[in-house]
Amino acid sequence: MAAIYPFKALRPAAELAKKVASRPYDVLNSKEAKVEAQDNNFSFLHITKSEIDLPENIDVHAQIVYEKAKENLTAFISRGILFRENKSCYYIYELQMNGKSQTGLVCGSSVDDYEKNLIKKHEFTRPEKEEDRINHIKTTGAQTGNVFLAYRNVTEVDALINKWKERNSVYNFTADDHIQHTIWIVNDEKTIEKISTLFKEKVPCTYIADGHHRAASAAKVRKALGGGAPEGANFFLTTLFPADQLYIMDYNRVVTDLNGLTKDDFLFAIKNNFSITTAKKAFSPAKLHDIGMYLNNQWYCLNANENSYAKDPTSVLDISILQNNLLDPILNIKDQRTDKRIDFIGGIRGLDELEKRVNSGEMAVAFSLHPVTIQQLFAIADSGQVMPPKSTWFEPKLRDGLLTNLITSAEEE
């Protein structure tokens, strides 16, 4: 069963919360982060993307970058921008976007559960991305990135969280991207105990929705520290969302060329496994197994033939159907993780971005996909399989800097 823990969050003073809160480190490159943090000395990007405070030609994985992150974190604490909670608490985090809201529980999740696969995965991780987070955690002594977990709804947990939200929040602001962030502190001992007990008794496992590298890195940091690992390294920073509140967006593809084929030859080859119809406007698939394609200023709908895919949890995914029936055999893209001819466009950018990339001549063809469902994610994780890379895009995203887990008790260092 799932073991979760309250923790003493390192967090900003209420009046500084909006200035401190930053978008996750992995959705911005260094140039974008520097622009976003410009004229904001309170931005948490000075800690998560500390290369912005170093010369532009710096290797972002150099040790000096992690040391700068530690220096900046220490400065934020000494200046009173951040302070540590005086007791272990749970935190409730609500996000609102476009009239929709979702609420999660911020807590520590057990590294032991991760290693026992009670926290289930659906993606492979890349060693270089793990190493980056390992170095950041070990140098700063802090888990600054939140792992987004999902679980099947528990009525009693839903009711308890909704009841607590009737109280005053500690943070409530709307960020520049119009997403509203509201956080409540659960500091009542009986309520904390009740939450812990409900998860222990009612939640057999949780699922990583977003943050596979952050979770893997936290586990490897504890292993590296060995018997001398501080108590805070035994769990990692997570926010748990009930399944019925999650919003998964499409994660689309663009490809640089048609592998030497003419447009007509390419369309003819596709007909082996798909029915093709033209679309009068940008095509966003309304159901599974329909795939949109943009080629030469024309949108198409590709409907997968039923004999073109197996019925196991991974093969039935639309991105697997696209990979096995088009990207690999026709465009010769064998591995989406490593092939430089393919790029990924999060659904938050819209279909206009696909058209823009193709119309500019940078890309030859684009594909729009129906979002993976949470039921598909659970089924794949339960089966022990993994999804193709870049299969899910979750929105809205949690902000870094509002709640941080120090793995040591020496926050004053």
Protein backbone atom coordinates (compact mmCIF):
# COMPACT_ATOMS: atom_id res chain seq x y z
CA MET A 1 0.00 0.00 0.00
CA ALA A 2 1.10 3.59 -0.63
CA ALA A 3 3.13 5.21 2.13
CA ILE A 4 3.09 8.99 2.14
CA TYR A 5 4.58 11.44 4.61
CA PRO A 6 4.03 15.02 5.74
CA PHE A 7 7.17 17.14 5.49
CA LYS A 8 8.59 20.51 6.49
CA ALA A 9 8.38 22.41 3.22
CA LEU A 10 10.82 25.13 2.32
CA ARG A 11 8.50 27.80 0.95
CA PRO A 12 8.26 31.53 0.18
CA ALA A 13 6.78 34.28 2.27
CA ALA A 14 3.15 34.73 1.16
CA GLU A 15 3.70 38.17 -0.37
CA LEU A 16 6.55 36.80 -2.52
CA ALA A 17 4.89 33.59 -3.72
CA LYS A 18 3.97 34.84 -7.19
CA LYS A 19 7.45 36.25 -7.79
CA VAL A 20 9.20 33.11 -6.54
CA ALA A 21 7.03 30.57 -8.37
CA SER A 22 8.55 29.49 -11.67
CA ARG A 23 7.69 27.13 -14.45
CA PRO A 24 9.30 23.66 -14.18
CA TYR A 25 12.98 23.58 -15.07
CA ASP A 26 12.45 21.06 -17.88
CA VAL A 27 9.93 23.09 -19.91
CA LEU A 28 12.35 25.98 -20.48
CA ASN A 29 15.73 26.13 -22.14
CA SER A 30 18.43 28.36 -20.70
CA LYS A 31 17.67 31.34 -22.96
CA GLU A 32 13.95 31.19 -22.20
CA ALA A 33 14.67 30.92 -18.47
CA LYS A 34 16.97 33.94 -18.58
CA VAL A 35 14.28 36.03 -20.25
CA GLU A 36 11.61 34.82 -17.83
CA ALA A 37 13.73 35.61 -14.77
CA GLN A 38 14.92 38.96 -16.11
CA ASP A 39 14.34 41.76 -13.58
CA ASN A 40 13.04 39.21 -11.03
CA ASN A 41 15.62 38.45 -8.36
CA PHE A 42 13.04 36.34 -6.53
CA SER A 43 12.44 33.83 -9.36
CA PHE A 44 13.12 30.22 -8.38
CA LEU A 45 14.73 29.82 -11.81
CA HIS A 46 17.88 31.22 -10.18
CA ILE A 47 17.98 27.85 -8.37
CA THR A 48 16.53 25.41 -10.91
CA LYS A 49 18.23 27.01 -13.95
CA SER A 50 21.18 28.65 -12.22
CA GLU A 51 23.19 28.84 -15.45
CA ILE A 52 21.23 32.04 -16.12
CA ASP A 53 23.50 33.71 -13.55
CA LEU A 54 26.70 32.49 -15.23
CA PRO A 55 28.40 33.29 -18.56
CA GLU A 56 26.31 32.29 -21.57
CA ASN A 57 28.79 29.76 -22.91
CA ILE A 58 28.81 27.71 -19.69
CA ASP A 59 28.18 23.96 -19.91
CA VAL A 60 24.81 23.61 -18.15
CA HIS A 61 25.97 20.32 -16.64
CA ALA A 62 29.22 21.70 -15.22
CA GLN A 63 29.63 21.41 -11.45
CA ILE A 64 29.87 25.19 -11.17
CA VAL A 65 26.21 25.38 -12.27
CA TYR A 66 25.09 23.15 -9.40
CA GLU A 67 27.30 25.08 -6.98
CA LYS A 68 25.64 28.30 -8.18
CA ALA A 69 22.24 26.74 -7.50
CA LYS A 70 23.35 25.92 -3.95
CA GLU A 71 24.70 29.45 -3.49
CA ASN A 72 21.43 30.96 -4.71
CA LEU A 73 19.30 28.67 -2.55
CA THR A 74 21.34 29.59 0.52
CA ALA A 75 20.95 33.28 -0.34
CA PHE A 76 17.18 32.93 -0.73
CA ILE A 77 17.01 31.43 2.77
CA SER A 78 19.33 33.97 4.37
CA ARG A 79 17.40 36.87 2.81
CA GLY A 80 14.09 35.53 4.12
CA ILE A 81 12.69 34.87 0.66
CA LEU A 82 12.29 31.22 1.64
CA PHE A 83 11.77 29.72 5.08
CA ARG A 84 11.23 26.22 6.38
CA GLU A 85 7.99 25.08 8.00
CA ASN A 86 8.42 24.47 11.73
CA LYS A 87 6.45 21.20 11.66
CA SER A 88 5.70 18.46 9.16
CA CYS A 89 2.55 19.15 7.17
CA TYR A 90 0.62 18.07 4.13
CA TYR A 91 -0.24 20.68 1.50
CA ILE A 92 -3.22 20.92 -0.84
CA TYR A 93 -2.45 22.40 -4.27
CA GLU A 94 -5.23 23.52 -6.62
CA LEU A 95 -4.64 24.65 -10.20
CA GLN A 96 -7.24 26.35 -12.37
CA MET A 97 -6.91 26.71 -16.14
CA ASN A 98 -9.57 27.73 -18.64
CA GLY A 99 -12.35 27.25 -16.11
CA LYS A 100 -11.18 23.77 -15.10
CA SER A 101 -9.63 22.98 -11.73
CA GLN A 102 -7.68 20.06 -10.33
CA THR A 103 -6.53 19.51 -6.78
CA GLY A 104 -3.66 17.39 -5.51
CA LEU A 105 -2.02 16.49 -2.22
CA VAL A 106 1.63 17.55 -1.84
CA CYS A 107 3.59 15.10 0.29
CA GLY A 108 6.64 12.92 0.52
CA SER A 109 6.38 9.57 -1.28
CA SER A 110 8.50 6.63 -0.21
CA VAL A 111 11.69 5.77 -2.07
CA ASP A 112 11.12 2.22 -0.82
CA ASP A 113 7.74 2.18 -2.59
CA TYR A 114 9.42 3.43 -5.77
CA GLU A 115 11.99 0.65 -5.63
CA LYS A 116 9.26 -1.96 -4.91
CA ASN A 117 7.22 -0.68 -7.88
CA LEU A 118 4.34 0.43 -5.68
CA ILE A 119 4.93 3.72 -7.48
CA LYS A 120 4.47 2.53 -11.04
CA LYS A 121 6.29 3.81 -14.11
CA HIS A 122 5.36 3.96 -17.78
CA GLU A 123 8.50 5.49 -19.33
CA PHE A 124 12.17 4.68 -19.68
CA THR A 125 14.56 7.30 -18.32
CA ARG A 126 17.68 8.71 -19.95
CA PRO A 127 20.96 8.48 -17.99
CA GLU A 128 22.11 12.03 -18.81
CA LYS A 129 18.85 13.55 -17.56
CA GLU A 130 19.02 11.47 -14.38
CA GLU A 131 22.62 12.54 -13.80
CA ASP A 132 21.65 16.21 -14.07
CA ARG A 133 19.00 15.89 -11.35
CA ILE A 134 21.23 13.70 -9.17
CA ASN A 135 23.95 16.36 -9.21
CA HIS A 136 21.42 19.12 -8.52
CA ILE A 137 19.90 17.29 -5.52
CA LYS A 138 23.24 16.23 -4.04
CA THR A 139 24.80 19.67 -4.39
CA THR A 140 21.84 21.74 -3.19
CA GLY A 141 20.60 19.24 -0.61
CA ALA A 142 17.09 19.87 -1.93
CA GLN A 143 14.45 18.27 -4.12
CA THR A 144 13.23 21.30 -6.05
CA GLY A 145 11.25 19.42 -8.70
CA ASN A 146 7.85 17.95 -7.95
CA VAL A 147 6.89 14.46 -9.21
CA PHE A 148 3.31 14.34 -10.48
CA LEU A 149 1.58 11.13 -9.29
CA ALA A 150 -1.90 9.80 -10.03
CA TYR A 151 -4.08 7.37 -8.09
CA ARG A 152 -7.54 5.88 -8.42
CA ASN A 153 -10.06 8.03 -6.57
CA VAL A 154 -10.81 7.37 -2.91
CA THR A 155 -14.12 8.93 -1.83
CA GLU A 156 -12.96 9.61 1.72
CA VAL A 157 -9.80 11.39 0.53
CA ASP A 158 -11.80 13.49 -1.94
CA ALA A 159 -14.21 14.54 0.82
CA LEU A 160 -11.46 15.35 3.31
CA ILE A 161 -9.52 17.51 0.84
CA ASN A 162 -12.64 19.35 -0.35
CA LYS A 163 -13.60 20.07 3.24
CA TRP A 164 -10.14 21.46 4.06
CA LYS A 165 -10.32 23.76 1.04
CA GLU A 166 -13.10 25.67 2.80
CA ARG A 167 -10.38 27.19 5.01
CA ASN A 168 -8.15 30.11 4.17
CA SER A 169 -5.32 29.39 1.75
CA VAL A 170 -1.71 30.41 2.31
CA TYR A 171 -1.09 31.21 -1.37
CA ASN A 172 -3.56 32.28 -4.03
CA PHE A 173 -2.36 34.01 -7.20
CA THR A 174 -2.77 33.96 -10.96
CA ALA A 175 0.47 33.55 -12.89
CA ASP A 176 1.35 35.41 -16.07
CA ASP A 177 0.07 32.47 -18.15
CA HIS A 178 -3.39 32.94 -16.52
CA ILE A 179 -3.19 29.74 -14.46
CA GLN A 180 -4.37 30.19 -10.88
CA HIS A 181 -2.38 28.53 -8.09
CA THR A 182 -3.87 28.05 -4.62
CA ILE A 183 -2.24 26.20 -1.71
CA TRP A 184 -3.57 25.26 1.71
CA ILE A 185 -1.49 23.96 4.63
CA VAL A 186 -2.79 20.87 6.44
CA ASN A 187 -1.19 21.27 9.88
CA ASP A 188 -3.77 19.60 12.14
CA GLU A 189 -2.30 16.43 13.67
CA LYS A 190 -5.54 14.42 13.51
CA THR A 191 -6.12 15.35 9.87
CA ILE A 192 -2.53 14.53 8.97
CA GLU A 193 -2.90 11.12 10.60
CA LYS A 194 -6.22 10.52 8.85
CA ILE A 195 -4.72 11.29 5.44
CA SER A 196 -1.75 9.01 6.06
CA THR A 197 -4.04 6.19 7.19
CA LEU A 198 -6.41 6.54 4.24
CA PHE A 199 -3.57 6.23 1.75
CA LYS A 200 -2.10 3.31 3.61
CA GLU A 201 -5.41 1.46 3.70
CA LYS A 202 -7.13 2.56 0.48
CA VAL A 203 -4.43 3.27 -2.13
CA PRO A 204 -2.55 0.13 -3.18
CA CYS A 205 -0.25 1.97 -5.59
CA THR A 206 0.34 5.29 -7.33
CA TYR A 207 1.40 6.06 -10.89
CA ILE A 208 4.00 8.49 -12.18
CA ALA A 209 2.19 10.83 -14.54
CA ASP A 210 5.05 13.31 -15.01
CA GLY A 211 8.52 13.30 -13.47
CA HIS A 212 10.12 9.90 -14.14
CA HIS A 213 13.61 11.41 -14.12
CA ARG A 214 13.03 13.31 -10.88
CA ALA A 215 11.76 10.15 -9.17
CA ALA A 216 14.60 7.97 -10.44
CA SER A 217 17.16 10.59 -9.42
CA ALA A 218 15.80 10.85 -5.88
CA ALA A 219 16.10 7.07 -5.48
CA LYS A 220 19.67 7.06 -6.80
CA VAL A 221 20.68 9.91 -4.52
CA ARG A 222 19.57 7.91 -1.48
CA LYS A 223 21.45 4.87 -2.75
CA ALA A 224 24.59 6.94 -3.33
CA LEU A 225 24.41 8.38 0.18
CA GLY A 226 24.18 4.85 1.61
CA GLY A 227 23.76 4.30 5.34
CA GLY A 228 24.51 7.94 5.99
CA ALA A 229 21.50 9.17 4.03
CA PRO A 230 19.56 11.84 5.95
CA GLU A 231 15.93 11.15 6.79
CA GLY A 232 14.68 13.53 4.09
CA ALA A 233 16.30 11.38 1.39
CA ASN A 234 13.99 8.46 2.20
CA PHE A 235 11.10 10.13 0.41
CA PHE A 236 10.76 12.48 -2.53
CA LEU A 237 8.60 15.49 -3.30
CA THR A 238 5.32 14.50 -4.98
CA THR A 239 1.84 15.82 -5.67
CA LEU A 240 -0.86 13.14 -5.85
CA PHE A 241 -3.89 13.78 -8.05
CA PRO A 242 -7.02 11.60 -8.18
CA ALA A 243 -7.53 10.13 -11.63
CA ASP A 244 -10.81 11.86 -12.40
CA GLN A 245 -9.24 15.32 -12.18
CA LEU A 246 -6.30 14.89 -14.54
CA TYR A 247 -6.15 16.62 -17.89
CA ILE A 248 -3.90 14.93 -20.45
CA MET A 249 -3.26 16.82 -23.67
CA ASP A 250 -2.08 15.55 -27.03
CA TYR A 251 1.65 15.25 -27.71
CA ASN A 252 2.24 15.72 -31.42
CA ARG A 253 5.05 15.03 -33.90
CA VAL A 254 6.82 16.79 -36.76
CA VAL A 255 9.31 15.15 -39.15
CA THR A 256 11.97 16.88 -41.24
CA ASP A 257 11.62 14.91 -44.51
CA LEU A 258 9.69 12.15 -46.31
CA ASN A 259 12.66 9.76 -46.47
CA GLY A 260 13.24 10.48 -50.16
CA LEU A 261 9.61 9.85 -51.20
CA THR A 262 7.48 12.18 -53.28
CA LYS A 263 4.20 13.35 -51.79
CA ASP A 264 2.22 10.94 -53.97
CA ASP A 265 4.47 7.97 -53.17
CA PHE A 266 4.25 8.80 -49.47
CA LEU A 267 0.43 8.94 -49.52
CA PHE A 268 0.28 5.70 -51.51
CA ALA A 269 2.47 3.92 -48.94
CA ILE A 270 0.29 5.11 -46.07
CA LYS A 271 -2.78 3.48 -47.64
CA ASN A 272 -1.47 0.03 -46.70
CA ASN A 273 -2.49 0.52 -43.08
CA PHE A 274 -4.66 3.65 -42.96
CA SER A 275 -7.79 4.97 -44.59
CA ILE A 276 -7.07 8.54 -45.75
CA THR A 277 -9.55 11.39 -46.05
CA THR A 278 -8.85 15.09 -46.54
CA ALA A 279 -9.92 17.58 -43.87
CA LYS A 280 -11.17 21.10 -44.53
CA LYS A 281 -9.38 22.56 -41.50
CA ALA A 282 -6.73 21.70 -38.90
CA PHE A 283 -7.60 18.20 -37.75
CA SER A 284 -7.61 17.40 -34.05
CA PRO A 285 -8.60 13.74 -33.60
CA ALA A 286 -11.83 13.38 -31.61
CA LYS A 287 -11.37 9.66 -30.98
CA LEU A 288 -8.70 7.04 -30.62
CA HIS A 289 -7.12 5.57 -33.77
CA ASP A 290 -7.75 8.69 -35.84
CA ILE A 291 -4.50 10.57 -36.57
CA GLY A 292 -4.22 14.01 -38.13
CA MET A 293 -1.55 14.70 -40.76
CA TYR A 294 -0.46 18.04 -42.24
CA LEU A 295 1.41 17.85 -45.54
CA ASN A 296 1.83 20.43 -48.33
CA ASN A 297 -0.75 22.86 -46.88
CA GLN A 298 -3.36 20.12 -46.56
CA TRP A 299 -4.75 18.37 -43.47
CA TYR A 300 -5.70 14.69 -43.62
CA CYS A 301 -7.37 12.21 -41.31
CA LEU A 302 -5.63 8.84 -41.11
CA ASN A 303 -7.85 6.11 -39.69
CA ALA A 304 -5.91 3.04 -38.64
CA ASN A 305 -7.04 -0.26 -40.13
CA GLU A 306 -8.05 -2.68 -37.38
CA ASN A 307 -5.53 -5.30 -38.52
CA SER A 308 -2.66 -2.80 -38.23
CA TYR A 309 -2.22 -3.10 -34.46
CA ALA A 310 -2.32 -5.66 -31.66
CA LYS A 311 -4.67 -5.27 -28.70
CA ASP A 312 -2.11 -5.19 -25.87
CA PRO A 313 -1.99 -1.96 -23.78
CA THR A 314 1.03 -0.44 -25.54
CA SER A 315 0.44 -1.51 -29.15
CA VAL A 316 -3.06 -0.06 -29.11
CA LEU A 317 -1.77 3.45 -28.34
CA ASP A 318 -2.10 5.81 -31.30
CA ILE A 319 1.56 6.80 -31.09
CA SER A 320 2.49 3.09 -31.28
CA ILE A 321 0.21 2.66 -34.29
CA LEU A 322 1.85 5.66 -35.95
CA GLN A 323 5.33 4.37 -35.13
CA ASN A 324 4.78 0.78 -36.24
CA ASN A 325 2.82 1.53 -39.41
CA LEU A 326 4.26 4.82 -40.69
CA LEU A 327 7.23 6.35 -38.89
CA ASP A 328 9.31 3.15 -38.93
CA PRO A 329 8.41 1.36 -42.20
CA ILE A 330 7.85 4.43 -44.37
CA LEU A 331 9.95 7.24 -42.88
CA ASN A 332 12.68 4.96 -41.45
CA ILE A 333 12.46 6.45 -37.94
CA LYS A 334 13.42 3.48 -35.78
CA ASP A 335 13.82 5.16 -32.38
CA GLN A 336 12.01 8.37 -31.55
CA ARG A 337 14.31 8.94 -28.58
CA THR A 338 17.44 9.25 -30.67
CA ASP A 339 16.40 10.11 -34.25
CA LYS A 340 17.18 13.77 -34.97
CA ARG A 341 14.63 13.90 -37.81
CA ILE A 342 11.65 13.93 -35.44
CA ASP A 343 10.55 16.56 -32.93
CA PHE A 344 7.75 16.71 -30.36
CA ILE A 345 5.16 19.46 -29.90
CA GLY A 346 3.13 19.62 -26.68
CA GLY A 347 -0.59 20.07 -27.17
CA ILE A 348 -0.54 23.33 -25.22
CA ARG A 349 1.04 24.94 -28.30
CA GLY A 350 -1.94 24.05 -30.51
CA LEU A 351 -2.16 22.83 -34.10
CA ASP A 352 -1.04 26.24 -35.36
CA GLU A 353 2.46 25.33 -34.21
CA LEU A 354 2.41 22.19 -36.37
CA GLU A 355 1.37 24.21 -39.41
CA LYS A 356 4.02 26.83 -38.65
CA ARG A 357 6.84 24.29 -38.47
CA VAL A 358 5.81 22.68 -41.77
CA ASN A 359 4.97 25.89 -43.64
CA SER A 360 8.37 27.35 -42.74
CA GLY A 361 10.09 24.49 -44.57
CA GLU A 362 11.82 23.35 -41.38
CA MET A 363 9.64 20.23 -41.31
CA ALA A 364 8.00 18.22 -44.10
CA VAL A 365 5.05 16.63 -42.30
CA ALA A 366 3.24 16.90 -38.97
CA PHE A 367 1.01 14.47 -37.08
CA SER A 368 -1.67 15.32 -34.50
CA LEU A 369 -2.71 12.64 -32.02
CA HIS A 370 -5.62 11.99 -29.71
CA PRO A 371 -4.51 12.32 -26.07
CA VAL A 372 -3.64 9.18 -24.16
CA THR A 373 -6.32 8.44 -21.57
CA ILE A 374 -5.56 7.99 -17.88
CA GLN A 375 -7.03 4.48 -18.17
CA GLN A 376 -4.47 3.67 -20.87
CA LEU A 377 -1.67 5.02 -18.68
CA PHE A 378 -2.80 2.87 -15.74
CA ALA A 379 -3.16 -0.24 -17.94
CA ILE A 380 0.37 0.11 -19.35
CA ALA A 381 1.94 0.72 -15.95
CA ASP A 382 0.01 -2.21 -14.42
CA SER A 383 1.21 -4.50 -17.21
CA GLY A 384 4.84 -3.52 -16.64
CA GLN A 385 5.14 -2.10 -20.17
CA VAL A 386 6.34 1.35 -21.16
CA MET A 387 4.92 3.99 -23.48
CA PRO A 388 6.79 5.39 -26.46
CA PRO A 389 8.67 8.60 -25.60
CA LYS A 390 6.73 11.85 -25.29
CA SER A 391 3.31 10.20 -25.12
CA THR A 392 1.62 12.36 -22.49
CA TRP A 393 1.50 16.11 -21.90
CA PHE A 394 -0.12 17.19 -18.66
CA GLU A 395 -1.53 20.66 -18.13
CA PRO A 396 -1.62 22.74 -16.07
CA LYS A 397 1.83 22.25 -14.57
CA LEU A 398 2.85 22.72 -10.95
CA ARG A 399 5.14 25.66 -10.22
CA ASP A 400 8.62 25.14 -8.82
CA GLY A 401 9.63 27.05 -5.71
CA LEU A 402 6.35 27.07 -3.80
CA LEU A 403 7.11 23.85 -1.93
CA THR A 404 10.60 22.35 -1.78
CA ASN A 405 11.86 19.31 0.15
CA LEU A 406 15.22 19.70 1.88
CA ILE A 407 16.81 16.29 2.22
CA THR A 408 19.00 17.54 5.06
CA SER A 409 18.03 19.41 8.21
CA ALA A 410 20.79 21.97 7.71
CA GLU A 411 18.83 24.49 5.69
CA GLU A 412 20.87 27.27 7.23
CA GLU A 413 24.09 26.00 5.70
